Structures are given as structure tokens and as C-alpha cells.
């Protein structure tokens, strides 16, 4: 009897661990933990592991890994961390989360798109860019504001 209860508790705790990884923010947190400690290649492999469709576009993923491995101290300087820029929910099944990733040389933006076709979230798209300075200048233009 005790062993059955122990097995049930173990199953519930394992289920809790699996579902904890089933939220977009948990997937992002895991990505950044891996990115900071094990590097871009490992972080991307773990991020994409939950989406079996990604393997059909393996060349693009390998190119992304190579580009991101180039984000080293010699190219962008020291890594100082990240800050959320934006979280947008298109529906209960599609979410975008964008981060400002702080390097000594310049900030970069990492953008994650997550999709939940059934009961499990998975990465739909990941990208990074350095166009933040152009966008903030554009946002500051007068034609974007109502003048009296």
C-alpha cells in the first residue's frame, strides 16, 4: 500500500515537472540558462527539441547556430544579461516574447514565437537581430505624434 502511494506521488511530481516546462516562459528561461552556461548550440538544440518539424529545415538551424556561436566576447563583448522588451499573445495558442540581450558592444533582440497546437507549447520560430537602434529612432519621429 505504501509503495503504491509512493509511486503515485512520484508520477504526480514527474508530471508537474513536465508541465512546468510546458509554458513559453519556462522554455525561454531554459534557453537562456543553457545559452549562458552551455552555449548557443546547446541552447538552440534544447529549444528546438520539442518541435519535430524543425528537422525539415536543418540547414537553417545549423546556420543560426553558427551565427549565434559568433556572439562571443571578441565580436560583441561581454554578455551582461537580458530584459523583456515585449510579450504579445495573439491567441491562447500563439505567443511572442522578445528580449533585449545586453552585450558590451551593442544590444541585440532575441525573439521567440511559441505555438500550442494541442496541449503542449513548442517553439515555432526563433530569431535575433541588432536593429533596435533603427527602430527606436523611427519610433521617435514626429509624424508618429499628433501635433497641435
N, C-alpha and C. Protein backbone atom coordinates (compact mmCIF):
# COMPACT_ATOMS: atom_id res chain seq x y z
N UNK A 1 0.83 -1.19 0.00
CA UNK A 1 0.00 0.00 0.00
C UNK A 1 0.87 1.25 0.00
N UNK A 2 1.89 1.29 0.88
CA UNK A 2 2.79 2.44 0.94
C UNK A 2 3.52 2.62 -0.39
N UNK A 3 3.90 1.52 -1.01
CA UNK A 3 4.64 1.63 -2.27
C UNK A 3 3.74 2.19 -3.38
N UNK A 4 2.43 1.84 -3.37
CA UNK A 4 1.51 2.39 -4.37
C UNK A 4 1.36 3.90 -4.20
N UNK A 5 1.24 4.35 -2.96
CA UNK A 5 1.13 5.78 -2.70
C UNK A 5 2.40 6.50 -3.13
N UNK A 6 3.54 5.91 -2.82
CA UNK A 6 4.82 6.50 -3.20
C UNK A 6 4.95 6.58 -4.72
N UNK A 7 4.53 5.55 -5.42
CA UNK A 7 4.57 5.54 -6.89
C UNK A 7 3.64 6.62 -7.44
N UNK A 8 2.44 6.74 -6.88
CA UNK A 8 1.51 7.78 -7.33
C UNK A 8 2.09 9.17 -7.12
N UNK A 9 2.67 9.41 -5.96
CA UNK A 9 3.28 10.71 -5.68
C UNK A 9 4.42 10.99 -6.64
N UNK A 10 5.22 9.99 -6.93
CA UNK A 10 6.32 10.14 -7.86
C UNK A 10 5.80 10.50 -9.25
N UNK A 11 4.74 9.83 -9.69
CA UNK A 11 4.15 10.12 -11.00
C UNK A 11 3.62 11.55 -11.06
N UNK A 12 2.95 11.99 -10.02
CA UNK A 12 2.42 13.36 -10.00
C UNK A 12 3.55 14.38 -10.00
N UNK A 13 4.63 14.10 -9.28
CA UNK A 13 5.74 15.06 -9.25
C UNK A 13 6.44 15.12 -10.60
N UNK A 14 6.57 13.98 -11.29
CA UNK A 14 7.17 13.97 -12.62
C UNK A 14 6.26 14.71 -13.59
N UNK A 15 4.96 14.50 -13.51
CA UNK A 15 4.01 15.20 -14.37
C UNK A 15 4.11 16.70 -14.12
N UNK A 16 4.26 17.10 -12.87
CA UNK A 16 4.41 18.51 -12.54
C UNK A 16 5.66 19.11 -13.15
N UNK A 17 6.76 18.34 -13.16
CA UNK A 17 7.99 18.82 -13.77
C UNK A 17 7.82 18.98 -15.27
N UNK A 18 7.16 18.04 -15.91
CA UNK A 18 6.95 18.11 -17.35
C UNK A 18 6.07 19.29 -17.70
N UNK A 19 4.97 19.49 -16.98
CA UNK A 19 4.07 20.58 -17.30
C UNK A 19 4.69 21.93 -16.96
N UNK A 20 5.62 21.96 -16.03
CA UNK A 20 6.29 23.22 -15.72
C UNK A 20 7.10 23.71 -16.91
N UNK A 21 7.61 22.78 -17.71
CA UNK A 21 8.34 23.13 -18.92
C UNK A 21 7.38 23.40 -20.07
N UNK A 22 6.10 23.32 -19.82
CA UNK A 22 5.12 23.42 -20.89
C UNK A 22 4.57 24.84 -21.06
N UNK A 23 5.24 25.82 -20.51
CA UNK A 23 4.82 27.21 -20.67
C UNK A 23 5.89 27.93 -21.48
N UNK A 24 5.49 28.86 -22.33
CA UNK A 24 6.51 29.58 -23.12
C UNK A 24 7.60 30.19 -22.26
N UNK A 25 7.25 30.82 -21.14
CA UNK A 25 8.26 31.46 -20.32
C UNK A 25 9.25 30.45 -19.75
N UNK A 26 8.77 29.26 -19.41
CA UNK A 26 9.68 28.22 -18.92
C UNK A 26 10.66 27.80 -20.00
N UNK A 27 10.18 27.71 -21.24
CA UNK A 27 11.06 27.35 -22.36
C UNK A 27 12.10 28.44 -22.60
N UNK A 28 11.70 29.70 -22.48
CA UNK A 28 12.64 30.81 -22.64
C UNK A 28 13.66 30.81 -21.51
N UNK A 29 13.20 30.62 -20.28
CA UNK A 29 14.12 30.58 -19.14
C UNK A 29 15.15 29.46 -19.32
N UNK A 30 14.70 28.31 -19.77
CA UNK A 30 15.61 27.19 -20.00
C UNK A 30 16.60 27.53 -21.12
N UNK A 31 16.12 28.18 -22.18
CA UNK A 31 17.00 28.59 -23.27
C UNK A 31 18.12 29.49 -22.74
N UNK A 32 17.76 30.54 -21.99
CA UNK A 32 18.77 31.47 -21.51
C UNK A 32 19.72 30.81 -20.51
N UNK A 33 19.22 29.92 -19.68
CA UNK A 33 20.09 29.20 -18.74
C UNK A 33 21.13 28.40 -19.53
N UNK A 34 20.67 27.70 -20.55
CA UNK A 34 21.59 26.93 -21.39
C UNK A 34 22.52 27.84 -22.20
N UNK A 35 22.00 28.92 -22.72
CA UNK A 35 22.78 29.87 -23.51
C UNK A 35 23.93 30.44 -22.67
N UNK A 36 23.63 30.79 -21.43
CA UNK A 36 24.63 31.39 -20.55
C UNK A 36 25.66 30.39 -20.04
N UNK A 37 25.26 29.13 -19.87
CA UNK A 37 26.17 28.15 -19.26
C UNK A 37 26.77 27.15 -20.25
N UNK A 38 26.02 26.81 -21.31
CA UNK A 38 26.49 25.76 -22.22
C UNK A 38 26.66 26.21 -23.66
N UNK A 39 26.28 27.45 -23.96
CA UNK A 39 26.50 27.98 -25.30
C UNK A 39 25.27 27.93 -26.18
N UNK A 40 25.38 28.65 -27.29
CA UNK A 40 24.26 28.83 -28.21
C UNK A 40 23.81 27.52 -28.87
N UNK A 41 24.75 26.69 -29.28
CA UNK A 41 24.38 25.45 -29.97
C UNK A 41 23.54 24.56 -29.07
N UNK A 42 23.97 24.35 -27.85
CA UNK A 42 23.22 23.51 -26.92
C UNK A 42 21.86 24.14 -26.62
N UNK A 43 21.84 25.45 -26.40
CA UNK A 43 20.58 26.14 -26.09
C UNK A 43 19.57 26.00 -27.23
N UNK A 44 20.03 26.15 -28.45
CA UNK A 44 19.12 26.02 -29.60
C UNK A 44 18.67 24.57 -29.78
N UNK A 45 19.58 23.63 -29.60
CA UNK A 45 19.19 22.21 -29.70
C UNK A 45 18.07 21.89 -28.70
N UNK A 46 18.23 22.36 -27.48
CA UNK A 46 17.21 22.12 -26.45
C UNK A 46 15.90 22.84 -26.77
N UNK A 47 15.99 24.05 -27.27
CA UNK A 47 14.80 24.82 -27.62
C UNK A 47 14.02 24.14 -28.73
N UNK A 48 14.73 23.69 -29.75
CA UNK A 48 14.07 23.08 -30.92
C UNK A 48 13.70 21.61 -30.71
N UNK A 49 14.21 21.01 -29.66
CA UNK A 49 13.95 19.57 -29.44
C UNK A 49 12.46 19.25 -29.37
N UNK A 50 11.65 20.17 -28.87
CA UNK A 50 10.22 19.93 -28.74
C UNK A 50 9.42 20.11 -30.02
N UNK A 51 10.07 20.50 -31.11
CA UNK A 51 9.36 20.70 -32.37
C UNK A 51 9.98 19.80 -33.44
N UNK A 52 9.30 18.70 -33.74
CA UNK A 52 9.83 17.73 -34.70
C UNK A 52 9.86 18.27 -36.12
N UNK A 53 9.10 19.31 -36.40
CA UNK A 53 9.07 19.88 -37.75
C UNK A 53 10.35 20.65 -38.08
N UNK A 54 11.08 21.06 -37.08
CA UNK A 54 12.30 21.83 -37.29
C UNK A 54 13.34 21.03 -38.06
N UNK A 55 13.37 19.73 -37.86
CA UNK A 55 14.37 18.90 -38.54
C UNK A 55 14.26 18.99 -40.06
N UNK A 56 13.11 19.39 -40.57
CA UNK A 56 12.96 19.56 -42.02
C UNK A 56 13.69 20.79 -42.54
N UNK A 57 14.09 21.66 -41.64
CA UNK A 57 14.80 22.87 -42.02
C UNK A 57 16.16 22.91 -41.32
N UNK A 58 16.84 21.79 -41.34
CA UNK A 58 18.08 21.62 -40.59
C UNK A 58 19.17 22.59 -41.04
N UNK A 59 19.25 22.89 -42.33
CA UNK A 59 20.29 23.80 -42.83
C UNK A 59 20.15 25.19 -42.19
N UNK A 60 18.92 25.68 -42.09
CA UNK A 60 18.69 26.99 -41.49
C UNK A 60 19.05 26.98 -40.01
N UNK A 61 18.74 25.91 -39.32
CA UNK A 61 19.07 25.80 -37.90
C UNK A 61 20.58 25.76 -37.71
N UNK A 62 21.28 25.01 -38.53
CA UNK A 62 22.74 24.95 -38.43
C UNK A 62 23.37 26.30 -38.71
N UNK A 63 22.82 27.03 -39.67
CA UNK A 63 23.33 28.38 -39.98
C UNK A 63 23.11 29.31 -38.78
N UNK A 64 21.93 29.22 -38.17
CA UNK A 64 21.63 30.03 -36.99
C UNK A 64 22.59 29.71 -35.84
N UNK A 65 22.85 28.43 -35.63
CA UNK A 65 23.78 28.03 -34.57
C UNK A 65 25.16 28.64 -34.80
N UNK A 66 25.63 28.57 -36.04
CA UNK A 66 26.95 29.12 -36.38
C UNK A 66 26.99 30.63 -36.13
N UNK A 67 25.94 31.33 -36.56
CA UNK A 67 25.88 32.77 -36.36
C UNK A 67 25.86 33.12 -34.87
N UNK A 68 25.08 32.38 -34.10
CA UNK A 68 24.97 32.69 -32.68
C UNK A 68 26.24 32.32 -31.91
N UNK A 69 26.95 31.31 -32.35
CA UNK A 69 28.23 30.99 -31.70
C UNK A 69 29.22 32.13 -31.91
N UNK A 70 29.01 32.94 -32.94
CA UNK A 70 29.85 34.11 -33.19
C UNK A 70 29.59 35.26 -32.24
N UNK A 71 28.54 35.15 -31.43
CA UNK A 71 28.25 36.19 -30.44
C UNK A 71 29.13 35.97 -29.22
N UNK A 72 30.41 36.13 -29.43
CA UNK A 72 31.37 35.90 -28.36
C UNK A 72 32.00 37.23 -27.94
N UNK A 73 32.86 37.19 -26.93
CA UNK A 73 33.45 38.42 -26.40
C UNK A 73 34.29 39.16 -27.43
N UNK A 74 34.90 38.43 -28.36
CA UNK A 74 35.70 39.09 -29.39
C UNK A 74 34.84 39.89 -30.36
N UNK A 75 33.60 39.49 -30.55
CA UNK A 75 32.74 40.16 -31.53
C UNK A 75 31.79 41.18 -30.90
N UNK A 76 31.10 40.80 -29.84
CA UNK A 76 30.11 41.70 -29.23
C UNK A 76 30.46 42.11 -27.79
N UNK A 77 31.54 41.62 -27.28
CA UNK A 77 31.94 41.98 -25.93
C UNK A 77 31.28 41.11 -24.88
N UNK A 78 31.41 41.55 -23.66
CA UNK A 78 30.89 40.80 -22.52
C UNK A 78 29.36 40.77 -22.53
N UNK A 79 28.81 39.64 -22.14
CA UNK A 79 27.37 39.45 -22.00
C UNK A 79 26.95 39.90 -20.60
N UNK A 80 25.94 40.78 -20.53
CA UNK A 80 25.51 41.31 -19.24
C UNK A 80 24.12 40.85 -18.81
N UNK A 81 23.43 40.11 -19.64
CA UNK A 81 22.11 39.64 -19.23
C UNK A 81 21.03 40.01 -20.24
N UNK A 82 19.80 39.99 -19.78
CA UNK A 82 18.65 40.17 -20.67
C UNK A 82 17.55 40.92 -19.96
N UNK A 83 16.67 41.53 -20.76
CA UNK A 83 15.48 42.20 -20.24
C UNK A 83 14.34 41.96 -21.22
N UNK A 84 13.16 41.75 -20.70
CA UNK A 84 11.99 41.57 -21.57
C UNK A 84 11.68 42.90 -22.25
N UNK A 85 11.48 42.85 -23.56
CA UNK A 85 11.04 44.02 -24.32
C UNK A 85 9.53 43.98 -24.48
N UNK A 86 9.03 42.81 -24.85
CA UNK A 86 7.63 42.72 -25.26
C UNK A 86 7.13 41.30 -25.13
N UNK A 87 5.90 41.16 -24.68
CA UNK A 87 5.20 39.88 -24.71
C UNK A 87 3.85 40.13 -25.36
N UNK A 88 3.57 39.40 -26.41
CA UNK A 88 2.29 39.55 -27.12
C UNK A 88 1.64 38.18 -27.25
N UNK A 89 0.36 38.17 -26.97
CA UNK A 89 -0.43 36.95 -27.07
C UNK A 89 -1.43 37.15 -28.21
N UNK A 90 -1.23 36.44 -29.30
CA UNK A 90 -2.15 36.53 -30.42
C UNK A 90 -3.44 35.79 -30.11
N UNK A 91 -3.31 34.67 -29.44
CA UNK A 91 -4.45 33.87 -29.01
C UNK A 91 -3.98 33.00 -27.85
N UNK A 92 -4.83 32.11 -27.40
CA UNK A 92 -4.42 31.19 -26.34
C UNK A 92 -3.39 30.17 -26.83
N UNK A 93 -3.15 30.17 -28.15
CA UNK A 93 -2.25 29.17 -28.73
C UNK A 93 -1.03 29.74 -29.44
N UNK A 94 -0.87 31.06 -29.43
CA UNK A 94 0.28 31.65 -30.13
C UNK A 94 0.79 32.86 -29.35
N UNK A 95 2.07 32.82 -28.97
CA UNK A 95 2.66 33.85 -28.12
C UNK A 95 4.02 34.26 -28.68
N UNK A 96 4.31 35.56 -28.59
CA UNK A 96 5.62 36.09 -28.96
C UNK A 96 6.23 36.74 -27.73
N UNK A 97 7.50 36.44 -27.48
CA UNK A 97 8.24 37.06 -26.38
C UNK A 97 9.55 37.57 -26.95
N UNK A 98 9.84 38.85 -26.72
CA UNK A 98 11.04 39.48 -27.25
C UNK A 98 11.90 40.00 -26.10
N UNK A 99 13.20 39.78 -26.21
CA UNK A 99 14.15 40.17 -25.18
C UNK A 99 15.23 41.09 -25.73
N UNK A 100 15.63 42.06 -24.92
CA UNK A 100 16.83 42.83 -25.17
C UNK A 100 17.96 42.05 -24.51
N UNK A 101 18.94 41.64 -25.31
CA UNK A 101 20.08 40.89 -24.79
C UNK A 101 21.26 41.85 -24.76
N UNK A 102 21.80 42.07 -23.57
CA UNK A 102 22.78 43.13 -23.34
C UNK A 102 24.21 42.62 -23.49
N UNK A 103 24.90 43.18 -24.49
CA UNK A 103 26.32 42.94 -24.70
C UNK A 103 27.05 44.26 -24.57
N UNK A 104 28.34 44.21 -24.31
CA UNK A 104 29.13 45.41 -24.15
C UNK A 104 29.09 46.29 -25.41
N UNK A 105 29.21 45.70 -26.56
CA UNK A 105 29.27 46.45 -27.81
C UNK A 105 27.93 47.03 -28.21
N UNK A 106 26.87 46.24 -28.08
CA UNK A 106 25.56 46.67 -28.53
C UNK A 106 24.48 45.74 -27.99
N UNK A 107 23.25 46.22 -27.95
CA UNK A 107 22.15 45.32 -27.57
C UNK A 107 21.69 44.52 -28.79
N UNK A 108 21.20 43.33 -28.53
CA UNK A 108 20.57 42.51 -29.56
C UNK A 108 19.17 42.17 -29.10
N UNK A 109 18.34 41.80 -30.04
CA UNK A 109 16.97 41.36 -29.70
C UNK A 109 16.86 39.88 -30.06
N UNK A 110 16.40 39.10 -29.09
CA UNK A 110 16.07 37.69 -29.31
C UNK A 110 14.55 37.60 -29.29
N UNK A 111 13.98 37.04 -30.34
CA UNK A 111 12.52 36.93 -30.44
C UNK A 111 12.12 35.46 -30.53
N UNK A 112 11.24 35.07 -29.65
CA UNK A 112 10.73 33.71 -29.57
C UNK A 112 9.25 33.73 -29.93
N UNK A 113 8.82 32.83 -30.79
CA UNK A 113 7.40 32.64 -31.06
C UNK A 113 7.05 31.20 -30.69
N UNK A 114 6.00 31.06 -29.90
CA UNK A 114 5.57 29.75 -29.42
C UNK A 114 4.17 29.45 -29.90
N UNK A 115 3.96 28.18 -30.20
CA UNK A 115 2.68 27.71 -30.70
C UNK A 115 2.26 26.48 -29.92
N UNK A 116 0.97 26.40 -29.60
CA UNK A 116 0.43 25.25 -28.90
C UNK A 116 -0.72 24.68 -29.73
N UNK A 117 -0.43 23.69 -30.58
CA UNK A 117 -1.49 23.11 -31.42
C UNK A 117 -2.45 22.21 -30.65
N UNK A 118 -1.98 21.63 -29.55
CA UNK A 118 -2.84 20.76 -28.73
C UNK A 118 -2.66 21.15 -27.27
N UNK A 119 -1.98 20.36 -26.48
CA UNK A 119 -1.80 20.69 -25.07
C UNK A 119 -0.34 21.00 -24.70
N UNK A 120 0.55 21.05 -25.69
CA UNK A 120 1.96 21.26 -25.43
C UNK A 120 2.49 22.46 -26.22
N UNK A 121 3.15 23.38 -25.53
CA UNK A 121 3.80 24.50 -26.18
C UNK A 121 5.08 24.04 -26.85
N UNK A 122 5.37 24.63 -28.00
CA UNK A 122 6.64 24.35 -28.68
C UNK A 122 7.10 25.62 -29.39
N UNK A 123 8.39 25.69 -29.63
CA UNK A 123 8.93 26.83 -30.35
C UNK A 123 8.45 26.78 -31.79
N UNK A 124 7.95 27.88 -32.27
CA UNK A 124 7.54 27.98 -33.67
C UNK A 124 8.63 28.69 -34.47
N UNK A 125 9.24 29.70 -33.84
CA UNK A 125 10.26 30.48 -34.52
C UNK A 125 11.16 31.15 -33.48
N UNK A 126 12.43 31.22 -33.81
CA UNK A 126 13.39 31.97 -33.01
C UNK A 126 14.24 32.80 -33.96
N UNK A 127 14.48 34.05 -33.59
CA UNK A 127 15.36 34.88 -34.39
C UNK A 127 16.08 35.87 -33.49
N UNK A 128 17.15 36.44 -34.01
CA UNK A 128 17.82 37.51 -33.30
C UNK A 128 18.24 38.56 -34.31
N UNK A 129 18.34 39.80 -33.85
CA UNK A 129 18.77 40.88 -34.74
C UNK A 129 19.32 42.03 -33.90
N UNK A 130 19.93 42.98 -34.58
CA UNK A 130 20.51 44.14 -33.93
C UNK A 130 19.92 45.44 -34.43
N UNK A 131 18.69 45.42 -34.90
CA UNK A 131 18.06 46.60 -35.49
C UNK A 131 17.37 47.51 -34.48
N UNK A 132 17.64 47.36 -33.23
CA UNK A 132 16.94 48.14 -32.20
C UNK A 132 17.16 49.64 -32.34
N UNK A 133 18.37 50.04 -32.68
CA UNK A 133 18.64 51.47 -32.78
C UNK A 133 17.84 52.11 -33.91
N UNK A 134 17.72 51.43 -35.05
CA UNK A 134 16.91 51.95 -36.16
C UNK A 134 15.44 52.07 -35.76
N UNK A 135 14.94 51.08 -35.07
CA UNK A 135 13.53 51.08 -34.69
C UNK A 135 13.20 52.15 -33.66
N UNK A 136 14.08 52.37 -32.71
CA UNK A 136 13.79 53.38 -31.70
C UNK A 136 13.87 54.79 -32.31
N UNK A 137 14.78 54.98 -33.26
CA UNK A 137 14.84 56.27 -33.97
C UNK A 137 13.56 56.49 -34.78
N UNK A 138 13.09 55.46 -35.44
CA UNK A 138 11.85 55.57 -36.21
C UNK A 138 10.67 55.87 -35.30
N UNK A 139 10.62 55.24 -34.15
CA UNK A 139 9.53 55.46 -33.20
C UNK A 139 9.52 56.89 -32.67
N UNK A 140 10.68 57.56 -32.68
CA UNK A 140 10.79 58.91 -32.14
C UNK A 140 10.47 59.99 -33.17
N UNK A 141 10.20 59.63 -34.40
CA UNK A 141 9.92 60.63 -35.45
C UNK A 141 8.61 61.36 -35.17
N UNK A 142 8.61 62.63 -35.51
CA UNK A 142 7.47 63.48 -35.21
C UNK A 142 6.17 63.03 -35.86
N UNK A 143 6.23 62.47 -37.07
CA UNK A 143 4.98 62.09 -37.73
C UNK A 143 4.24 60.99 -36.96
N UNK A 144 4.89 60.38 -36.01
CA UNK A 144 4.22 59.37 -35.18
C UNK A 144 3.40 60.00 -34.06
N UNK A 145 3.56 61.32 -33.86
CA UNK A 145 2.86 62.00 -32.78
C UNK A 145 1.88 63.02 -33.36
N UNK A 146 0.78 63.17 -32.66
CA UNK A 146 -0.19 64.17 -33.05
C UNK A 146 0.31 65.53 -32.57
N UNK A 147 0.51 66.43 -33.52
CA UNK A 147 0.96 67.78 -33.19
C UNK A 147 -0.22 68.73 -33.16
N UNK A 148 -0.18 69.73 -32.29
CA UNK A 148 -1.28 70.71 -32.19
C UNK A 148 -1.20 71.73 -33.30
